[in-house]
Protein backbone atom coordinates (compact mmCIF):
# COMPACT_ATOMS: atom_id res chain seq x y z
CA MET A 1 0.00 0.00 0.00
CA ASN A 2 2.89 2.39 0.72
CA GLU A 3 4.13 2.03 -2.85
CA LEU A 4 0.64 2.94 -4.11
CA ILE A 5 0.57 6.04 -1.89
CA GLU A 6 3.96 7.06 -3.29
CA ILE A 7 2.68 6.66 -6.86
CA LEU A 8 -0.40 8.74 -6.05
CA GLU A 9 1.78 11.44 -4.42
CA ASP A 10 3.97 11.60 -7.54
CA ILE A 11 0.93 12.09 -9.78
CA VAL A 12 -1.05 14.52 -7.59
CA PRO A 13 0.94 15.72 -4.58
CA GLY A 14 -0.50 17.23 -1.43
CA VAL A 15 -3.54 14.99 -0.94
CA ASP A 16 -4.27 12.98 2.21
CA TYR A 17 -4.49 9.67 0.38
CA GLU A 18 -4.70 7.71 3.64
CA ASN A 19 -8.09 9.26 4.45
CA CYS A 20 -9.55 10.69 1.23
CA THR A 21 -12.50 8.72 -0.17
CA THR A 22 -13.54 11.17 -2.90
CA LEU A 23 -10.61 11.23 -5.32
CA ILE A 24 -12.94 10.94 -8.32
CA ASP A 25 -16.06 12.56 -6.84
CA ASP A 26 -14.12 15.72 -5.92
CA HIS A 27 -12.13 15.72 -9.20
CA ILE A 28 -8.81 15.30 -7.40
CA LEU A 29 -7.89 12.72 -10.03
CA ASP A 30 -8.68 13.90 -13.55
CA SER A 31 -8.62 11.76 -16.68
CA PHE A 32 -4.92 12.41 -17.31
CA ALA A 33 -4.05 11.50 -13.71
CA ILE A 34 -6.07 8.29 -14.00
CA LEU A 35 -4.27 7.28 -17.20
CA SER A 36 -0.92 7.97 -15.54
CA LEU A 37 -2.00 6.09 -12.45
CA VAL A 38 -3.13 3.03 -14.44
CA SER A 39 0.21 2.93 -16.25
CA GLU A 40 2.15 3.22 -12.99
CA ILE A 41 0.01 0.57 -11.27
CA GLU A 42 0.48 -1.86 -14.15
CA ASP A 43 4.25 -1.39 -14.08
CA ALA A 44 4.70 -1.39 -10.31
CA PHE A 45 2.40 -4.30 -9.46
CA ASP A 46 2.66 -6.38 -12.66
CA VAL A 47 -1.09 -6.37 -13.29
CA GLU A 48 -3.28 -5.41 -16.24
CA VAL A 49 -6.05 -2.93 -15.50
CA ALA A 50 -8.81 -3.77 -17.98
CA PRO A 51 -11.21 -1.05 -19.17
CA VAL A 52 -13.98 -2.67 -17.11
CA GLU A 53 -11.99 -1.74 -13.98
CA LEU A 54 -12.01 1.97 -14.86
CA VAL A 55 -14.96 2.87 -12.66
CA ALA A 56 -15.16 5.50 -9.93
CA GLU A 57 -15.61 2.97 -7.14
CA ASN A 58 -12.15 1.54 -7.89
CA PHE A 59 -10.45 4.95 -7.96
CA ASN A 60 -12.20 7.00 -5.26
CA SER A 61 -9.68 6.12 -2.54
CA ALA A 62 -6.28 4.56 -2.05
CA LYS A 63 -8.03 1.76 -0.15
CA SER A 64 -10.31 0.96 -3.11
CA LEU A 65 -7.35 1.16 -5.49
CA TRP A 66 -5.42 -1.24 -3.27
CA ALA A 67 -8.41 -3.63 -3.20
CA MET A 68 -8.50 -3.57 -7.01
CA ILE A 69 -4.75 -4.24 -7.26
CA THR A 70 -5.02 -7.09 -4.76
CA ARG A 71 -7.95 -8.57 -6.69
CA LEU A 72 -6.07 -8.29 -10.00
CA LYS A 73 -3.04 -10.01 -8.50
CA GLY A 74 -5.29 -12.79 -7.23
CA GLU A 75 -4.26 -12.18 -3.61
CA GLU A 76 -7.69 -11.64 -2.07
């Protein structure tokens, strides 16, 4: 999870990713940030984020992002 937080901080610094649950709803992550984030997640965690995964519920918080990564890695 720490690596994910670091990736998020690199893309959009200055956000409390540990507690924020409205990254999409509050437009903290825009479409460019999401594309960058998907690319970084795929590289860092050796997963493929399919288009079906690109929904707000997967990107609204670091916790939901981590749950998606864990699911994609088959580690649930």
